[in-house]
């Protein structure tokens, strides 16, 4: 399992240690579920994520994170492990949310990386029951990274 990071938007350069943070958070989420596979993390802008959100979800708005699992039936050479998918994070939205919630941008980014990777692993939050399971898993993984409960008031 591996985590590949690409920083597409210059605003992300202001977040010290982003590559290390992304690696730690992504690998922690994978390890917590004993997942095998690779994850690609793209750090981009609100404008780019808005286009993706419109194209793939029919929502013409920026969002903090989008996850794109690899399609079923993805063919690879024998013996290779299939990638799990891509997680895309939007700089302006994440910074704005962190400020509004009184959190550090680093901790909020780590939370959304974990959240996005869990989506790749099949977690969702369409119902209250699903949300409770996913949020508890996020709390557990983030605690292992020394990050407090992102859902605490």
Protein backbone atom coordinates (compact mmCIF):
# COMPACT_ATOMS: atom_id res chain seq x y z
CA UNK A 1 0.00 0.00 0.00
CA UNK A 2 1.21 3.47 -0.79
CA UNK A 3 0.05 7.06 -0.84
CA UNK A 4 1.03 9.32 -3.73
CA UNK A 5 0.72 13.06 -3.25
CA UNK A 6 0.35 15.72 -5.92
CA UNK A 7 0.06 19.39 -5.02
CA UNK A 8 -1.67 21.24 -7.84
CA UNK A 9 -2.60 24.51 -6.13
CA UNK A 10 0.04 26.88 -4.73
CA UNK A 11 -2.06 27.71 -1.66
CA UNK A 12 -1.23 24.28 -0.26
CA UNK A 13 2.47 25.27 -0.09
CA UNK A 14 1.58 27.40 2.96
CA UNK A 15 0.74 24.27 4.95
CA UNK A 16 4.09 23.20 6.38
CA UNK A 17 4.80 19.50 6.14
CA UNK A 18 1.83 18.73 3.89
CA UNK A 19 3.47 15.80 2.15
CA UNK A 20 4.42 14.15 5.45
CA UNK A 21 0.98 14.85 6.93
CA UNK A 22 -0.72 13.40 3.85
CA UNK A 23 1.42 10.27 3.97
CA UNK A 24 0.80 9.71 7.70
CA UNK A 25 -2.96 10.29 7.50
CA UNK A 26 -3.46 8.26 4.34
CA UNK A 27 -1.37 5.32 5.53
CA UNK A 28 -3.03 5.38 8.97
CA UNK A 29 -6.47 5.06 7.36
CA UNK A 30 -5.28 2.21 5.14
CA UNK A 31 -3.53 0.41 8.00
CA UNK A 32 -6.54 0.74 10.30
CA UNK A 33 -8.59 -1.27 7.84
CA UNK A 34 -5.67 -3.51 6.75
CA UNK A 35 -6.35 -2.34 3.22
CA UNK A 36 -4.18 -3.35 0.32
CA UNK A 37 -3.91 -0.90 -2.51
CA UNK A 38 -2.61 2.50 -3.45
CA UNK A 39 -4.21 5.88 -2.96
CA UNK A 40 -3.58 9.06 -4.94
CA UNK A 41 -4.13 12.37 -3.08
CA UNK A 42 -4.59 15.51 -5.15
CA UNK A 43 -4.38 18.87 -3.38
CA UNK A 44 -6.16 21.40 -5.57
CA UNK A 45 -8.31 24.53 -5.57
CA UNK A 46 -11.98 25.26 -5.06
CA UNK A 47 -12.30 25.99 -8.79
CA UNK A 48 -10.97 22.57 -9.77
CA UNK A 49 -12.99 20.62 -7.21
CA UNK A 50 -16.10 22.54 -8.25
CA UNK A 51 -15.61 21.31 -11.82
CA UNK A 52 -15.15 17.72 -10.61
CA UNK A 53 -18.17 17.97 -8.32
CA UNK A 54 -20.29 19.29 -11.20
CA UNK A 55 -19.06 16.63 -13.65
CA UNK A 56 -19.29 13.61 -11.34
CA UNK A 57 -21.99 14.48 -8.82
CA UNK A 58 -24.09 17.06 -10.64
CA UNK A 59 -23.42 19.63 -7.88
CA UNK A 60 -22.19 23.00 -9.11
CA UNK A 61 -20.32 23.98 -5.95
CA UNK A 62 -16.94 23.55 -4.34
CA UNK A 63 -16.67 21.00 -1.56
CA UNK A 64 -13.88 20.07 0.83
CA UNK A 65 -13.10 16.54 -0.36
CA UNK A 66 -14.13 14.14 -3.12
CA UNK A 67 -13.29 10.45 -3.34
CA UNK A 68 -13.15 8.48 -6.56
CA UNK A 69 -12.90 4.71 -6.00
CA UNK A 70 -11.39 2.66 -8.80
CA UNK A 71 -14.10 1.07 -10.91
CA UNK A 72 -14.89 -2.59 -10.35
CA UNK A 73 -13.20 -4.88 -12.83
CA UNK A 74 -10.07 -2.75 -13.08
CA UNK A 75 -7.57 -4.94 -14.95
CA UNK A 76 -3.94 -5.18 -13.86
CA UNK A 77 -1.11 -7.52 -14.66
CA UNK A 78 -1.24 -10.68 -12.58
CA UNK A 79 0.15 -10.25 -9.08
CA UNK A 80 -0.24 -6.47 -8.92
CA UNK A 81 -2.50 -4.90 -6.34
CA UNK A 82 -5.25 -2.67 -7.73
CA UNK A 83 -5.25 0.98 -6.68
CA UNK A 84 -8.08 1.96 -4.38
CA UNK A 85 -8.70 5.33 -5.97
CA UNK A 86 -8.19 9.06 -5.76
CA UNK A 87 -8.96 11.63 -3.08
CA UNK A 88 -9.17 15.29 -4.08
CA UNK A 89 -8.98 18.10 -1.51
CA UNK A 90 -9.83 21.79 -2.04
CA UNK A 91 -7.55 24.34 -0.41
CA UNK A 92 -9.81 27.36 0.04
CA UNK A 93 -12.76 25.40 1.42
CA UNK A 94 -10.62 23.44 3.87
CA UNK A 95 -8.84 26.55 5.16
CA UNK A 96 -12.15 28.41 5.50
CA UNK A 97 -13.76 25.47 7.37
CA UNK A 98 -10.77 25.09 9.70
CA UNK A 99 -10.91 28.77 10.62
CA UNK A 100 -14.68 28.67 11.16
CA UNK A 101 -14.38 25.57 13.36
CA UNK A 102 -11.38 26.88 15.34
CA UNK A 103 -9.13 24.04 14.15
CA UNK A 104 -5.69 24.05 12.63
CA UNK A 105 -5.63 23.65 8.87
CA UNK A 106 -3.26 20.71 9.34
CA UNK A 107 -5.64 18.82 11.62
CA UNK A 108 -8.65 19.54 9.42
CA UNK A 109 -6.70 18.42 6.34
CA UNK A 110 -5.65 15.19 8.07
CA UNK A 111 -9.27 14.55 9.04
CA UNK A 112 -10.47 15.01 5.47
CA UNK A 113 -7.71 12.76 4.10
CA UNK A 114 -8.83 10.02 6.50
CA UNK A 115 -12.47 10.70 5.59
CA UNK A 116 -11.71 10.48 1.87
CA UNK A 117 -9.69 7.27 2.18
CA UNK A 118 -12.46 5.67 4.24
CA UNK A 119 -14.85 6.45 1.39
CA UNK A 120 -12.49 4.54 -0.92
CA UNK A 121 -12.72 1.62 1.50
CA UNK A 122 -16.52 1.55 1.32
CA UNK A 123 -17.54 3.73 4.25
CA UNK A 124 -20.33 6.25 3.75
CA UNK A 125 -22.57 8.59 5.73
CA UNK A 126 -25.87 8.59 3.85
CA UNK A 127 -27.74 7.42 6.96
CA UNK A 128 -27.26 8.27 10.63
CA UNK A 129 -26.13 4.70 11.31
CA UNK A 130 -23.52 4.82 8.52
CA UNK A 131 -22.35 8.23 9.71
CA UNK A 132 -21.90 6.99 13.28
CA UNK A 133 -19.75 4.07 12.12
CA UNK A 134 -17.65 6.24 9.80
CA UNK A 135 -17.18 9.04 12.35
CA UNK A 136 -16.11 6.58 15.05
CA UNK A 137 -13.52 5.12 12.68
CA UNK A 138 -12.28 8.61 11.84
CA UNK A 139 -11.97 9.45 15.55
CA UNK A 140 -10.01 6.28 16.22
CA UNK A 141 -7.58 6.80 13.34
CA UNK A 142 -7.07 10.49 14.11
CA UNK A 143 -6.47 9.75 17.80
CA UNK A 144 -3.64 7.45 16.69
CA UNK A 145 -2.16 10.47 14.88
CA UNK A 146 -2.49 12.65 17.99
CA UNK A 147 -5.41 14.62 16.56
CA UNK A 148 -8.42 15.34 18.74
CA UNK A 149 -12.01 14.42 17.93
CA UNK A 150 -12.98 16.47 14.86
CA UNK A 151 -16.67 16.22 15.79
CA UNK A 152 -16.29 17.54 19.35
CA UNK A 153 -18.02 20.87 19.94
